[in-house]
Amino acid sequence: MAAAVSVPLQPLHADTLEVTLWELVWAVSQVADNEREVIATVAHMLESGSVKLVGNFRDCPLAVR
């Protein structure tokens, strides 16, 4: 049985969250049906600005094809 992990999210303003890449991928993977859906959702959230990365990947340009 997997242990539940609580990921605290810090809103910047009403529609933007600051998260690490790991937190984002983990949270999306909890509700996605497969890896493709995880990748597509994470990419959309990053491109739309609904999330802002903090941590190791905060200043890395991410190219989504």
Protein backbone atom coordinates (compact mmCIF):
# COMPACT_ATOMS: atom_id res chain seq x y z
CA MET A 1 0.00 0.00 0.00
CA ALA A 2 1.41 3.37 -1.00
CA ALA A 3 1.68 6.13 1.56
CA ALA A 4 -0.16 9.35 0.92
CA VAL A 5 2.08 12.34 0.31
CA SER A 6 0.88 15.86 0.86
CA VAL A 7 2.42 18.45 -1.46
CA PRO A 8 1.94 22.00 -0.20
CA LEU A 9 1.16 24.38 -3.04
CA GLN A 10 1.98 28.07 -2.83
CA PRO A 11 -0.26 30.30 -4.95
CA LEU A 12 1.43 33.36 -6.50
CA HIS A 13 -1.91 34.90 -7.32
CA ALA A 14 -5.37 33.56 -8.07
CA ASP A 15 -4.42 31.34 -11.00
CA THR A 16 -0.65 30.61 -10.72
CA LEU A 17 1.06 28.08 -8.44
CA GLU A 18 4.75 27.78 -7.55
CA VAL A 19 5.81 24.12 -7.65
CA THR A 20 8.87 22.02 -8.33
CA LEU A 21 8.85 19.92 -11.47
CA TRP A 22 8.65 16.79 -9.30
CA GLU A 23 5.61 18.12 -7.40
CA LEU A 24 3.87 18.99 -10.66
CA VAL A 25 4.54 15.64 -12.33
CA TRP A 26 3.60 13.73 -9.17
CA ALA A 27 0.33 15.63 -8.70
CA VAL A 28 -0.72 15.23 -12.33
CA SER A 29 0.23 11.53 -12.35
CA GLN A 30 -2.17 10.92 -9.46
CA VAL A 31 -5.15 11.75 -11.70
CA ALA A 32 -3.89 10.99 -15.22
CA ASP A 33 -4.66 7.75 -17.02
CA ASN A 34 -1.22 7.28 -18.61
CA GLU A 35 2.22 8.85 -19.15
CA ARG A 36 1.16 10.64 -22.35
CA GLU A 37 -1.59 12.41 -20.45
CA VAL A 38 0.88 13.40 -17.71
CA ILE A 39 3.30 14.88 -20.24
CA ALA A 40 0.59 16.71 -22.17
CA THR A 41 -0.96 18.15 -19.01
CA VAL A 42 2.37 19.25 -17.51
CA ALA A 43 3.39 20.84 -20.81
CA HIS A 44 0.08 22.70 -21.07
CA MET A 45 0.27 23.96 -17.49
CA LEU A 46 3.82 25.25 -18.02
CA GLU A 47 3.08 26.85 -21.39
CA SER A 48 -0.13 28.49 -20.18
CA GLY A 49 1.54 30.00 -17.13
CA SER A 50 -0.84 28.35 -14.68
CA VAL A 51 2.22 27.06 -12.81
CA LYS A 52 5.67 28.50 -12.20
CA LEU A 53 8.60 26.18 -11.53
CA VAL A 54 10.81 26.65 -8.49
CA GLY A 55 13.83 24.59 -7.50
CA ASN A 56 16.38 23.06 -9.87
CA PHE A 57 14.38 23.68 -13.07
CA ARG A 58 13.14 27.23 -12.31
CA ASP A 59 15.37 28.93 -14.90
CA CYS A 60 15.62 26.13 -17.46
CA PRO A 61 13.93 26.67 -20.80
CA LEU A 62 11.61 23.76 -21.54
CA ALA A 63 10.97 22.95 -25.18
CA VAL A 64 7.77 20.99 -25.70
CA ARG A 65 7.23 19.43 -29.11
